[in-house]
Amino acid sequence: MKGNIHYDEKYVKVEDDWNFDLNAVDNVTKFVLAHKFTEERTKKVCIEFLTEIKDNCYQQLLERYLSEKHKKVEDRNYLLQGQMKKH
């Protein structure tokens, strides 16, 4: 993961049925972090979708954290580098 996660939800008609097409994409690499195609958008489906994002990103986020945690706060390379202001 190199950038922000962008979420897209479409309501699409396949033959005679309407379905939800859920996608999460890294805005820098355009890598698909999660995808779910479902008939209903329930709490269970949303949790499964968010878990897929977490599972795909967790190791990368942990590695970044471990490589930065020992540095002074002002020297850390944040994931949101462009969005955070250094003090």
Protein backbone atom coordinates (compact mmCIF):
# COMPACT_ATOMS: atom_id res chain seq x y z
CA MET A 1 0.00 0.00 0.00
CA LYS A 2 1.55 3.28 -1.11
CA GLY A 3 -1.32 5.76 -0.89
CA ASN A 4 -4.82 6.23 0.41
CA ILE A 5 -7.54 3.62 0.15
CA HIS A 6 -10.32 4.65 -2.20
CA TYR A 7 -13.65 2.91 -1.82
CA ASP A 8 -16.14 2.50 -4.63
CA GLU A 9 -19.61 1.05 -4.45
CA LYS A 10 -21.78 0.45 -7.50
CA TYR A 11 -25.29 -0.84 -7.78
CA VAL A 12 -25.34 -2.83 -11.01
CA LYS A 13 -27.96 -4.80 -12.87
CA VAL A 14 -26.95 -8.27 -14.05
CA GLU A 15 -29.66 -9.77 -16.21
CA ASP A 16 -32.79 -9.04 -14.12
CA ASP A 17 -31.13 -8.79 -10.70
CA TRP A 18 -29.57 -5.78 -8.98
CA ASN A 19 -26.30 -6.38 -7.11
CA PHE A 20 -23.68 -4.43 -5.19
CA ASP A 21 -20.12 -4.25 -6.51
CA LEU A 22 -17.76 -3.11 -3.72
CA ASN A 23 -14.12 -2.21 -4.42
CA ALA A 24 -11.20 -0.80 -2.44
CA VAL A 25 -8.18 0.45 -4.40
CA ASP A 26 -4.81 1.96 -3.46
CA ASN A 27 -4.87 5.37 -5.12
CA VAL A 28 -1.14 5.35 -5.97
CA THR A 29 -0.52 1.79 -7.20
CA LYS A 30 -4.12 1.18 -8.38
CA PHE A 31 -3.85 -2.23 -6.69
CA VAL A 32 -7.22 -3.72 -5.78
CA LEU A 33 -7.12 -4.28 -2.03
CA ALA A 34 -10.57 -5.86 -1.80
CA HIS A 35 -13.50 -6.73 -4.03
CA LYS A 36 -16.95 -8.05 -3.16
CA PHE A 37 -19.90 -8.70 -5.46
CA THR A 38 -23.09 -9.39 -3.53
CA GLU A 39 -26.85 -9.30 -3.85
CA GLU A 40 -27.38 -7.56 -0.51
CA ARG A 41 -25.34 -4.96 1.37
CA THR A 42 -25.69 -6.28 4.89
CA LYS A 43 -23.61 -5.66 7.99
CA LYS A 44 -22.09 -9.13 7.59
CA VAL A 45 -21.05 -8.44 3.99
CA CYS A 46 -19.55 -5.06 4.96
CA ILE A 47 -17.54 -6.66 7.78
CA GLU A 48 -16.25 -9.33 5.38
CA PHE A 49 -15.25 -6.62 2.90
CA LEU A 50 -13.44 -4.51 5.52
CA THR A 51 -11.72 -7.63 6.88
CA GLU A 52 -10.42 -8.38 3.39
CA ILE A 53 -8.91 -4.87 3.22
CA LYS A 54 -7.34 -5.32 6.66
CA ASP A 55 -5.93 -8.75 5.78
CA ASN A 56 -4.40 -7.43 2.56
CA CYS A 57 -2.85 -4.34 4.19
CA TYR A 58 -1.97 -5.43 7.72
CA GLN A 59 1.48 -6.88 7.05
CA GLN A 60 2.55 -3.83 5.03
CA LEU A 61 1.33 -1.44 7.73
CA LEU A 62 3.04 -3.45 10.48
CA GLU A 63 6.35 -3.48 8.59
CA ARG A 64 6.16 0.29 8.08
CA TYR A 65 5.36 0.84 11.75
CA LEU A 66 8.23 -1.37 12.93
CA SER A 67 10.70 0.40 10.66
CA GLU A 68 9.64 3.86 11.86
CA LYS A 69 8.80 3.46 15.57
CA HIS A 70 12.38 3.84 16.77
CA LYS A 71 12.86 7.22 15.03
CA LYS A 72 12.15 10.62 16.50
CA VAL A 73 8.61 11.72 15.73
CA GLU A 74 9.78 14.53 13.44
CA ASP A 75 11.94 12.08 11.42
CA ARG A 76 9.28 9.45 10.81
CA ASN A 77 8.07 8.66 7.31
CA TYR A 78 4.30 8.52 7.74
CA LEU A 79 1.93 6.66 5.47
CA LEU A 80 0.02 9.90 5.08
CA GLN A 81 3.18 11.94 4.44
CA GLY A 82 1.51 14.42 2.12
CA GLN A 83 -1.38 15.00 4.50
CA MET A 84 0.55 15.48 7.74
CA LYS A 85 2.39 18.60 8.73
CA LYS A 86 5.66 18.33 10.58
CA HIS A 87 5.87 20.39 13.75
